[in-house]
PDB file of all heavy atoms in Angstrom:
ATOM      1  N   THR A   1      58.188  -3.174   0.382  1.00  0.00           N
ATOM      2  CA  THR A   1      57.475  -3.312  -0.860  1.00  0.00           C
ATOM      3  C   THR A   1      56.096  -2.687  -0.594  1.00  0.00           C
ATOM      4  O   THR A   1      55.528  -2.734   0.552  1.00  0.00           O
ATOM      5  CB  THR A   1      57.194  -4.693  -1.289  1.00  0.00           C
ATOM      6  OG1 THR A   1      56.691  -5.526  -0.274  1.00  0.00           O
ATOM      7  CG2 THR A   1      58.604  -5.417  -1.557  1.00  0.00           C
ATOM      8  N   ARG A   2      55.553  -2.087  -1.554  1.00  0.00           N
ATOM      9  CA  ARG A   2      54.227  -1.522  -1.507  1.00  0.00           C
ATOM     10  C   ARG A   2      53.163  -2.505  -1.923  1.00  0.00           C
ATOM     11  O   ARG A   2      53.418  -3.392  -2.778  1.00  0.00           O
ATOM     12  CB  ARG A   2      54.102  -0.288  -2.442  1.00  0.00           C
ATOM     13  CG  ARG A   2      54.869   0.876  -1.878  1.00  0.00           C
ATOM     14  CD  ARG A   2      54.589   2.040  -2.768  1.00  0.00           C
ATOM     15  NE  ARG A   2      55.251   3.245  -2.212  1.00  0.00           N
ATOM     16  CZ  ARG A   2      54.576   4.216  -1.585  1.00  0.00           C
ATOM     17  NH1 ARG A   2      53.318   4.210  -1.566  1.00  0.00           N
ATOM     18  NH2 ARG A   2      55.256   5.253  -1.223  1.00  0.00           N
ATOM     19  N   PRO A   3      51.998  -2.511  -1.265  1.00  0.00           N
ATOM     20  CA  PRO A   3      50.878  -3.355  -1.696  1.00  0.00           C
ATOM     21  C   PRO A   3      50.488  -3.127  -3.127  1.00  0.00           C
ATOM     22  O   PRO A   3      50.586  -2.074  -3.694  1.00  0.00           O
ATOM     23  CB  PRO A   3      49.690  -2.987  -0.757  1.00  0.00           C
ATOM     24  CG  PRO A   3      50.289  -2.244   0.317  1.00  0.00           C
ATOM     25  CD  PRO A   3      51.534  -1.629  -0.197  1.00  0.00           C
ATOM     26  N   ALA A   4      50.076  -4.254  -3.883  1.00  0.00           N
ATOM     27  CA  ALA A   4      49.670  -4.118  -5.233  1.00  0.00           C
ATOM     28  C   ALA A   4      48.485  -3.246  -5.449  1.00  0.00           C
ATOM     29  O   ALA A   4      48.326  -2.494  -6.438  1.00  0.00           O
ATOM     30  CB  ALA A   4      49.552  -5.485  -5.849  1.00  0.00           C
ATOM     31  N   LEU A   5      47.580  -3.314  -4.413  1.00  0.00           N
ATOM     32  CA  LEU A   5      46.352  -2.555  -4.521  1.00  0.00           C
ATOM     33  C   LEU A   5      46.248  -1.494  -3.543  1.00  0.00           C
ATOM     34  O   LEU A   5      46.896  -1.439  -2.538  1.00  0.00           O
ATOM     35  CB  LEU A   5      45.106  -3.508  -4.283  1.00  0.00           C
ATOM     36  CG  LEU A   5      44.963  -4.674  -5.309  1.00  0.00           C
ATOM     37  CD1 LEU A   5      43.840  -5.637  -4.743  1.00  0.00           C
ATOM     38  CD2 LEU A   5      44.685  -4.273  -6.588  1.00  0.00           C
ATOM     39  N   SER A   6      45.458  -0.422  -3.860  1.00  0.00           N
ATOM     40  CA  SER A   6      45.388   0.678  -2.929  1.00  0.00           C
ATOM     41  C   SER A   6      44.561   0.230  -1.736  1.00  0.00           C
ATOM     42  O   SER A   6      43.885  -0.772  -1.720  1.00  0.00           O
ATOM     43  CB  SER A   6      44.677   1.850  -3.566  1.00  0.00           C
ATOM     44  OG  SER A   6      43.240   1.589  -3.759  1.00  0.00           O
ATOM     45  N   LEU A   7      44.472   1.048  -0.656  1.00  0.00           N
ATOM     46  CA  LEU A   7      43.755   0.727   0.550  1.00  0.00           C
ATOM     47  C   LEU A   7      42.327   0.597   0.277  1.00  0.00           C
ATOM     48  O   LEU A   7      41.662  -0.367   0.703  1.00  0.00           O
ATOM     49  CB  LEU A   7      44.005   1.801   1.596  1.00  0.00           C
ATOM     50  CG  LEU A   7      43.221   1.714   2.970  1.00  0.00           C
ATOM     51  CD1 LEU A   7      43.563   0.383   3.606  1.00  0.00           C
ATOM     52  CD2 LEU A   7      43.331   2.882   3.732  1.00  0.00           C
ATOM     53  N   GLN A   8      41.805   1.435  -0.496  1.00  0.00           N
ATOM     54  CA  GLN A   8      40.372   1.519  -0.802  1.00  0.00           C
ATOM     55  C   GLN A   8      40.014   0.188  -1.710  1.00  0.00           C
ATOM     56  O   GLN A   8      39.044  -0.460  -1.421  1.00  0.00           O
ATOM     57  CB  GLN A   8      39.944   2.670  -1.666  1.00  0.00           C
ATOM     58  CG  GLN A   8      38.479   2.736  -1.901  1.00  0.00           C
ATOM     59  CD  GLN A   8      38.145   4.108  -2.518  1.00  0.00           C
ATOM     60  OE1 GLN A   8      39.046   4.950  -2.807  1.00  0.00           O
ATOM     61  NE2 GLN A   8      36.905   4.456  -2.667  1.00  0.00           N
ATOM     62  N   GLU A   9      40.963  -0.256  -2.535  1.00  0.00           N
ATOM     63  CA  GLU A   9      40.649  -1.437  -3.370  1.00  0.00           C
ATOM     64  C   GLU A   9      40.715  -2.684  -2.382  1.00  0.00           C
ATOM     65  O   GLU A   9      39.908  -3.643  -2.564  1.00  0.00           O
ATOM     66  CB  GLU A   9      41.615  -1.635  -4.467  1.00  0.00           C
ATOM     67  CG  GLU A   9      41.385  -0.554  -5.527  1.00  0.00           C
ATOM     68  CD  GLU A   9      42.577  -0.512  -6.559  1.00  0.00           C
ATOM     69  OE1 GLU A   9      43.706  -0.858  -6.177  1.00  0.00           O
ATOM     70  OE2 GLU A   9      42.316  -0.138  -7.678  1.00  0.00           O
ATOM     71  N   ARG A  10      41.696  -2.682  -1.469  1.00  0.00           N
ATOM     72  CA  ARG A  10      41.812  -3.865  -0.634  1.00  0.00           C
ATOM     73  C   ARG A  10      40.629  -4.025   0.315  1.00  0.00           C
ATOM     74  O   ARG A  10      40.050  -5.084   0.583  1.00  0.00           O
ATOM     75  CB  ARG A  10      43.061  -3.815   0.196  1.00  0.00           C
ATOM     76  CG  ARG A  10      44.345  -4.084  -0.589  1.00  0.00           C
ATOM     77  CD  ARG A  10      45.633  -3.967   0.184  1.00  0.00           C
ATOM     78  NE  ARG A  10      45.865  -2.527   0.367  1.00  0.00           N
ATOM     79  CZ  ARG A  10      46.610  -2.024   1.402  1.00  0.00           C
ATOM     80  NH1 ARG A  10      47.012  -2.822   2.259  1.00  0.00           N
ATOM     81  NH2 ARG A  10      46.855  -0.753   1.412  1.00  0.00           N
ATOM     82  N   LEU A  11      40.125  -2.834   0.847  1.00  0.00           N
ATOM     83  CA  LEU A  11      38.943  -2.835   1.802  1.00  0.00           C
ATOM     84  C   LEU A  11      37.689  -3.255   0.993  1.00  0.00           C
ATOM     85  O   LEU A  11      36.874  -4.017   1.443  1.00  0.00           O
ATOM     86  CB  LEU A  11      38.811  -1.440   2.386  1.00  0.00           C
ATOM     87  CG  LEU A  11      39.809  -1.082   3.496  1.00  0.00           C
ATOM     88  CD1 LEU A  11      39.588   0.328   3.821  1.00  0.00           C
ATOM     89  CD2 LEU A  11      39.556  -2.035   4.680  1.00  0.00           C
ATOM     90  N   ASN A  12      37.616  -2.768  -0.287  1.00  0.00           N
ATOM     91  CA  ASN A  12      36.427  -3.180  -1.093  1.00  0.00           C
ATOM     92  C   ASN A  12      36.388  -4.658  -1.289  1.00  0.00           C
ATOM     93  O   ASN A  12      35.362  -5.350  -1.301  1.00  0.00           O
ATOM     94  CB  ASN A  12      36.370  -2.410  -2.383  1.00  0.00           C
ATOM     95  CG  ASN A  12      35.937  -0.948  -2.174  1.00  0.00           C
ATOM     96  OD1 ASN A  12      35.128  -0.714  -1.254  1.00  0.00           O
ATOM     97  ND2 ASN A  12      36.299  -0.127  -3.030  1.00  0.00           N
ATOM     98  N   LYS A  13      37.581  -5.177  -1.604  1.00  0.00           N
ATOM     99  CA  LYS A  13      37.750  -6.685  -1.914  1.00  0.00           C
ATOM    100  C   LYS A  13      37.415  -7.447  -0.661  1.00  0.00           C
ATOM    101  O   LYS A  13      36.681  -8.469  -0.694  1.00  0.00           O
ATOM    102  CB  LYS A  13      39.076  -7.067  -2.377  1.00  0.00           C
ATOM    103  CG  LYS A  13      39.258  -8.468  -2.708  1.00  0.00           C
ATOM    104  CD  LYS A  13      40.634  -8.806  -3.313  1.00  0.00           C
ATOM    105  CE  LYS A  13      40.863 -10.157  -3.657  1.00  0.00           C
ATOM    106  NZ  LYS A  13      39.923 -11.210  -3.291  1.00  0.00           N
ATOM    107  N   PHE A  14      37.870  -6.929   0.457  1.00  0.00           N
ATOM    108  CA  PHE A  14      37.560  -7.644   1.787  1.00  0.00           C
ATOM    109  C   PHE A  14      36.004  -7.668   2.088  1.00  0.00           C
ATOM    110  O   PHE A  14      35.499  -8.652   2.459  1.00  0.00           O
ATOM    111  CB  PHE A  14      38.248  -6.918   2.917  1.00  0.00           C
ATOM    112  CG  PHE A  14      37.728  -7.514   4.323  1.00  0.00           C
ATOM    113  CD1 PHE A  14      38.137  -8.610   4.705  1.00  0.00           C
ATOM    114  CD2 PHE A  14      36.885  -6.560   4.952  1.00  0.00           C
ATOM    115  CE1 PHE A  14      37.694  -9.034   5.965  1.00  0.00           C
ATOM    116  CE2 PHE A  14      36.409  -7.069   6.251  1.00  0.00           C
ATOM    117  CZ  PHE A  14      36.804  -8.232   6.749  1.00  0.00           C
ATOM    118  N   THR A  15      35.360  -6.515   1.798  1.00  0.00           N
ATOM    119  CA  THR A  15      33.994  -6.492   2.079  1.00  0.00           C
ATOM    120  C   THR A  15      33.161  -7.395   1.146  1.00  0.00           C
ATOM    121  O   THR A  15      32.213  -8.045   1.537  1.00  0.00           O
ATOM    122  CB  THR A  15      33.408  -5.009   1.906  1.00  0.00           C
ATOM    123  OG1 THR A  15      33.618  -4.534   0.626  1.00  0.00           O
ATOM    124  CG2 THR A  15      34.010  -4.077   2.949  1.00  0.00           C
ATOM    125  N   GLU A  16      33.509  -7.424  -0.048  1.00  0.00           N
ATOM    126  CA  GLU A  16      32.911  -8.372  -1.021  1.00  0.00           C
ATOM    127  C   GLU A  16      33.061  -9.784  -0.568  1.00  0.00           C
ATOM    128  O   GLU A  16      32.179 -10.638  -0.528  1.00  0.00           O
ATOM    129  CB  GLU A  16      33.455  -8.196  -2.457  1.00  0.00           C
ATOM    130  CG  GLU A  16      33.098  -6.921  -3.145  1.00  0.00           C
ATOM    131  CD  GLU A  16      33.853  -6.680  -4.431  1.00  0.00           C
ATOM    132  OE1 GLU A  16      34.534  -7.611  -4.883  1.00  0.00           O
ATOM    133  OE2 GLU A  16      33.615  -5.648  -4.973  1.00  0.00           O
ATOM    134  N   ASP A  17      34.342 -10.231  -0.292  1.00  0.00           N
ATOM    135  CA  ASP A  17      34.610 -11.571   0.221  1.00  0.00           C
ATOM    136  C   ASP A  17      33.960 -11.872   1.484  1.00  0.00           C
ATOM    137  O   ASP A  17      33.457 -13.006   1.638  1.00  0.00           O
ATOM    138  CB  ASP A  17      36.137 -11.802   0.287  1.00  0.00           C
ATOM    139  CG  ASP A  17      36.884 -11.672  -0.956  1.00  0.00           C
ATOM    140  OD1 ASP A  17      36.209 -11.722  -2.029  1.00  0.00           O
ATOM    141  OD2 ASP A  17      38.128 -11.531  -0.969  1.00  0.00           O
ATOM    142  N   ALA A  18      33.946 -10.916   2.442  1.00  0.00           N
ATOM    143  CA  ALA A  18      33.310 -11.201   3.725  1.00  0.00           C
ATOM    144  C   ALA A  18      31.856 -11.359   3.591  1.00  0.00           C
ATOM    145  O   ALA A  18      31.137 -12.104   4.291  1.00  0.00           O
ATOM    146  CB  ALA A  18      33.685 -10.142   4.740  1.00  0.00           C
ATOM    147  N   ARG A  19      31.175 -10.546   2.732  1.00  0.00           N
ATOM    148  CA  ARG A  19      29.757 -10.657   2.572  1.00  0.00           C
ATOM    149  C   ARG A  19      29.365 -11.966   1.991  1.00  0.00           C
ATOM    150  O   ARG A  19      28.371 -12.565   2.372  1.00  0.00           O
ATOM    151  CB  ARG A  19      29.189  -9.556   1.630  1.00  0.00           C
ATOM    152  CG  ARG A  19      29.001  -8.239   2.361  1.00  0.00           C
ATOM    153  CD  ARG A  19      28.229  -7.306   1.541  1.00  0.00           C
ATOM    154  NE  ARG A  19      28.212  -5.961   2.067  1.00  0.00           N
ATOM    155  CZ  ARG A  19      27.477  -5.527   3.038  1.00  0.00           C
ATOM    156  NH1 ARG A  19      26.693  -6.345   3.709  1.00  0.00           N
ATOM    157  NH2 ARG A  19      27.514  -4.303   3.501  1.00  0.00           N
ATOM    158  N   ALA A  20      30.188 -12.433   1.002  1.00  0.00           N
ATOM    159  CA  ALA A  20      29.920 -13.800   0.352  1.00  0.00           C
ATOM    160  C   ALA A  20      30.089 -14.871   1.405  1.00  0.00           C
ATOM    161  O   ALA A  20      29.292 -15.879   1.439  1.00  0.00           O
ATOM    162  CB  ALA A  20      30.825 -14.026  -0.739  1.00  0.00           C
ATOM    163  N   ALA A  21      31.059 -14.734   2.344  1.00  0.00           N
ATOM    164  CA  ALA A  21      31.319 -15.801   3.373  1.00  0.00           C
ATOM    165  C   ALA A  21      30.155 -15.724   4.353  1.00  0.00           C
ATOM    166  O   ALA A  21      29.727 -16.792   4.894  1.00  0.00           O
ATOM    167  CB  ALA A  21      32.585 -15.532   4.064  1.00  0.00           C
ATOM    168  N   ALA A  22      29.597 -14.498   4.676  1.00  0.00           N
ATOM    169  CA  ALA A  22      28.533 -14.387   5.690  1.00  0.00           C
ATOM    170  C   ALA A  22      27.315 -15.040   5.129  1.00  0.00           C
ATOM    171  O   ALA A  22      26.485 -15.488   5.892  1.00  0.00           O
ATOM    172  CB  ALA A  22      28.372 -12.959   6.015  1.00  0.00           C
ATOM    173  N   LYS A  23      27.005 -14.951   3.838  1.00  0.00           N
ATOM    174  CA  LYS A  23      25.804 -15.636   3.253  1.00  0.00           C
ATOM    175  C   LYS A  23      25.782 -17.094   3.574  1.00  0.00           C
ATOM    176  O   LYS A  23      24.741 -17.674   3.754  1.00  0.00           O
ATOM    177  CB  LYS A  23      25.823 -15.359   1.780  1.00  0.00           C
ATOM    178  CG  LYS A  23      25.263 -14.073   1.368  1.00  0.00           C
ATOM    179  CD  LYS A  23      25.105 -13.925  -0.102  1.00  0.00           C
ATOM    180  CE  LYS A  23      24.548 -12.662  -0.524  1.00  0.00           C
ATOM    181  NZ  LYS A  23      24.278 -12.551  -2.034  1.00  0.00           N
ATOM    182  N   ASP A  24      26.952 -17.707   3.641  1.00  0.00           N
ATOM    183  CA  ASP A  24      27.093 -19.187   3.874  1.00  0.00           C
ATOM    184  C   ASP A  24      26.922 -19.613   5.320  1.00  0.00           C
ATOM    185  O   ASP A  24      26.715 -20.767   5.554  1.00  0.00           O
ATOM    186  CB  ASP A  24      28.388 -19.738   3.228  1.00  0.00           C
ATOM    187  CG  ASP A  24      28.485 -19.456   1.734  1.00  0.00           C
ATOM    188  OD1 ASP A  24      27.363 -19.466   1.056  1.00  0.00           O
ATOM    189  OD2 ASP A  24      29.534 -19.514   1.178  1.00  0.00           O
ATOM    190  N   LEU A  25      27.082 -18.574   6.156  1.00  0.00           N
ATOM    191  CA  LEU A  25      27.112 -18.854   7.626  1.00  0.00           C
ATOM    192  C   LEU A  25      25.703 -18.776   8.068  1.00  0.00           C
ATOM    193  O   LEU A  25      24.870 -18.050   7.586  1.00  0.00           O
ATOM    194  CB  LEU A  25      27.863 -17.876   8.437  1.00  0.00           C
ATOM    195  CG  LEU A  25      29.393 -17.903   8.214  1.00  0.00           C
ATOM    196  CD1 LEU A  25      30.072 -16.824   8.996  1.00  0.00           C
ATOM    197  CD2 LEU A  25      29.957 -19.202   8.654  1.00  0.00           C
ATOM    198  N   PRO A  26      25.301 -19.700   9.088  1.00  0.00           N
ATOM    199  CA  PRO A  26      24.003 -19.595   9.730  1.00  0.00           C
ATOM    200  C   PRO A  26      23.992 -18.476  10.610  1.00  0.00           C
ATOM    201  O   PRO A  26      25.042 -17.893  11.085  1.00  0.00           O
ATOM    202  CB  PRO A  26      23.827 -20.956  10.470  1.00  0.00           C
ATOM    203  CG  PRO A  26      25.287 -21.304  10.775  1.00  0.00           C
ATOM    204  CD  PRO A  26      26.114 -20.819   9.579  1.00  0.00           C
ATOM    205  N   ALA A  27      22.736 -17.942  10.922  1.00  0.00           N
ATOM    206  CA  ALA A  27      22.555 -16.733  11.868  1.00  0.00           C
ATOM    207  C   ALA A  27      23.267 -17.179  13.202  1.00  0.00           C
ATOM    208  O   ALA A  27      23.103 -18.151  13.700  1.00  0.00           O
ATOM    209  CB  ALA A  27      21.214 -16.392  12.008  1.00  0.00           C
ATOM    210  N   GLY A  28      24.039 -16.192  13.645  1.00  0.00           N
ATOM    211  CA  GLY A  28      24.701 -16.445  14.909  1.00  0.00           C
ATOM    212  C   GLY A  28      25.845 -15.442  15.249  1.00  0.00           C
ATOM    213  O   GLY A  28      25.945 -14.483  14.505  1.00  0.00           O
ATOM    214  N   ALA A  29      26.613 -15.700  16.274  1.00  0.00           N
ATOM    215  CA  ALA A  29      27.603 -14.744  16.616  1.00  0.00           C
ATOM    216  C   ALA A  29      28.652 -14.671  15.617  1.00  0.00           C
ATOM    217  O   ALA A  29      29.173 -13.478  15.416  1.00  0.00           O
ATOM    218  CB  ALA A  29      28.184 -15.212  17.938  1.00  0.00           C
ATOM    219  N   GLU A  30      29.053 -15.708  15.022  1.00  0.00           N
ATOM    220  CA  GLU A  30      30.180 -15.707  14.008  1.00  0.00           C
ATOM    221  C   GLU A  30      29.790 -14.773  12.808  1.00  0.00           C
ATOM    222  O   GLU A  30      30.551 -13.959  12.307  1.00  0.00           O
ATOM    223  CB  GLU A  30      30.563 -17.025  13.613  1.00  0.00           C
ATOM    224  CG  GLU A  30      31.758 -17.155  12.666  1.00  0.00           C
ATOM    225  CD  GLU A  30      32.152 -18.579  12.317  1.00  0.00           C
ATOM    226  OE1 GLU A  30      31.549 -19.497  12.837  1.00  0.00           O
ATOM    227  OE2 GLU A  30      33.049 -18.655  11.489  1.00  0.00           O
ATOM    228  N   ARG A  31      28.560 -15.062  12.395  1.00  0.00           N
ATOM    229  CA  ARG A  31      28.084 -14.217  11.172  1.00  0.00           C
ATOM    230  C   ARG A  31      27.927 -12.770  11.645  1.00  0.00           C
ATOM    231  O   ARG A  31      28.220 -11.830  10.772  1.00  0.00           O
ATOM    232  CB  ARG A  31      26.662 -14.787  10.727  1.00  0.00           C
ATOM    233  CG  ARG A  31      26.152 -14.048   9.526  1.00  0.00           C
ATOM    234  CD  ARG A  31      24.859 -14.612   9.066  1.00  0.00           C
ATOM    235  NE  ARG A  31      24.331 -14.075   7.857  1.00  0.00           N
ATOM    236  CZ  ARG A  31      23.113 -13.963   7.519  1.00  0.00           C
ATOM    237  NH1 ARG A  31      22.233 -14.494   8.232  1.00  0.00           N
ATOM    238  NH2 ARG A  31      22.790 -13.274   6.431  1.00  0.00           N
ATOM    239  N   HIS A  32      27.407 -12.455  12.760  1.00  0.00           N
ATOM    240  CA  HIS A  32      27.250 -11.079  13.256  1.00  0.00           C
ATOM    241  C   HIS A  32      28.587 -10.450  13.284  1.00  0.00           C
ATOM    242  O   HIS A  32      28.755  -9.252  12.899  1.00  0.00           O
ATOM    243  CB  HIS A  32      26.571 -11.068  14.626  1.00  0.00           C
ATOM    244  CG  HIS A  32      26.385  -9.708  15.104  1.00  0.00           C
ATOM    245  ND1 HIS A  32      25.539  -8.795  14.649  1.00  0.00           N
ATOM    246  CD2 HIS A  32      27.070  -9.184  16.182  1.00  0.00           C
ATOM    247  CE1 HIS A  32      25.611  -7.689  15.392  1.00  0.00           C
ATOM    248  NE2 HIS A  32      26.516  -7.888  16.283  1.00  0.00           N
ATOM    249  N   ALA A  33      29.600 -11.127  13.781  1.00  0.00           N
ATOM    250  CA  ALA A  33      30.956 -10.513  13.915  1.00  0.00           C
ATOM    251  C   ALA A  33      31.554 -10.267  12.612  1.00  0.00           C
ATOM    252  O   ALA A  33      32.142  -9.130  12.371  1.00  0.00           O
ATOM    253  CB  ALA A  33      31.901 -11.459  14.674  1.00  0.00           C
ATOM    254  N   LEU A  34      31.318 -11.109  11.587  1.00  0.00           N
ATOM    255  CA  LEU A  34      31.764 -10.905  10.288  1.00  0.00           C
ATOM    256  C   LEU A  34      31.093  -9.737   9.588  1.00  0.00           C
ATOM    257  O   LEU A  34      31.790  -8.846   9.000  1.00  0.00           O
ATOM    258  CB  LEU A  34      31.583 -12.168   9.393  1.00  0.00           C
ATOM    259  CG  LEU A  34      32.267 -12.256   7.995  1.00  0.00           C
ATOM    260  CD1 LEU A  34      33.765 -11.931   8.153  1.00  0.00           C
ATOM    261  CD2 LEU A  34      31.945 -13.506   7.368  1.00  0.00           C
ATOM    262  N   LEU A  35      29.766  -9.624   9.731  1.00  0.00           N
ATOM    263  CA  LEU A  35      29.073  -8.487   9.189  1.00  0.00           C
ATOM    264  C   LEU A  35      29.507  -7.123   9.878  1.00  0.00           C
ATOM    265  O   LEU A  35      29.469  -6.112   9.278  1.00  0.00           O
ATOM    266  CB  LEU A  35      27.594  -8.725   9.287  1.00  0.00           C
ATOM    267  CG  LEU A  35      26.982  -9.794   8.365  1.00  0.00           C
ATOM    268  CD1 LEU A  35      25.645 -10.079   8.578  1.00  0.00           C
ATOM    269  CD2 LEU A  35      27.275  -9.455   6.975  1.00  0.00           C
ATOM    270  N   GLN A  36      29.853  -7.179  11.188  1.00  0.00           N
ATOM    271  CA  GLN A  36      30.386  -6.062  11.859  1.00  0.00           C
ATOM    272  C   GLN A  36      31.673  -5.570  11.247  1.00  0.00           C
ATOM    273  O   GLN A  36      31.935  -4.340  11.046  1.00  0.00           O
ATOM    274  CB  GLN A  36      30.416  -6.213  13.390  1.00  0.00           C
ATOM    275  CG  GLN A  36      31.000  -5.022  14.135  1.00  0.00           C
ATOM    276  CD  GLN A  36      29.955  -3.836  14.096  1.00  0.00           C
ATOM    277  OE1 GLN A  36      28.788  -4.080  14.231  1.00  0.00           O
ATOM    278  NE2 GLN A  36      30.451  -2.681  13.791  1.00  0.00           N
ATOM    279  N   LYS A  37      32.470  -6.584  10.874  1.00  0.00           N
ATOM    280  CA  LYS A  37      33.836  -6.189  10.231  1.00  0.00           C
ATOM    281  C   LYS A  37      33.598  -5.566   8.866  1.00  0.00           C
ATOM    282  O   LYS A  37      34.283  -4.605   8.488  1.00  0.00           O
ATOM    283  CB  LYS A  37      34.698  -7.470  10.122  1.00  0.00           C
ATOM    284  CG  LYS A  37      35.284  -7.901  11.381  1.00  0.00           C
ATOM    285  CD  LYS A  37      36.143  -9.096  11.273  1.00  0.00           C
ATOM    286  CE  LYS A  37      36.668  -9.673  12.535  1.00  0.00           C
ATOM    287  NZ  LYS A  37      37.527 -10.787  12.386  1.00  0.00           N
ATOM    288  N   VAL A  38      32.473  -6.056   8.163  1.00  0.00           N
ATOM    289  CA  VAL A  38      32.228  -5.443   6.891  1.00  0.00           C
ATOM    290  C   VAL A  38      31.794  -3.990   7.021  1.00  0.00           C
ATOM    291  O   VAL A  38      32.154  -3.163   6.347  1.00  0.00           O
ATOM    292  CB  VAL A  38      31.108  -6.270   6.157  1.00  0.00           C
ATOM    293  CG1 VAL A  38      30.465  -5.496   4.979  1.00  0.00           C
ATOM    294  CG2 VAL A  38      31.583  -7.706   5.799  1.00  0.00           C
ATOM    295  N   ARG A  39      30.887  -3.716   8.048  1.00  0.00           N
ATOM    296  CA  ARG A  39      30.513  -2.354   8.318  1.00  0.00           C
ATOM    297  C   ARG A  39      31.641  -1.470   8.667  1.00  0.00           C
ATOM    298  O   ARG A  39      31.754  -0.272   8.290  1.00  0.00           O
ATOM    299  CB  ARG A  39      29.401  -2.273   9.387  1.00  0.00           C
ATOM    300  CG  ARG A  39      28.012  -2.843   8.891  1.00  0.00           C
ATOM    301  CD  ARG A  39      27.025  -2.666   9.889  1.00  0.00           C
ATOM    302  NE  ARG A  39      27.090  -3.461  11.157  1.00  0.00           N
ATOM    303  CZ  ARG A  39      26.658  -4.694  11.269  1.00  0.00           C
ATOM    304  NH1 ARG A  39      26.055  -5.320  10.195  1.00  0.00           N
ATOM    305  NH2 ARG A  39      26.825  -5.357  12.344  1.00  0.00           N
TER     306      ARG A  39
END
């Protein structure tokens, strides 16, 4: 089966969700790693 969304749409959704999750995290290694995945 094919994904419902295109690769670009899935990556954009991931970056939005990950940025929102990173805002809730305190500064540290976990937040840094999440922001690196966003980049």
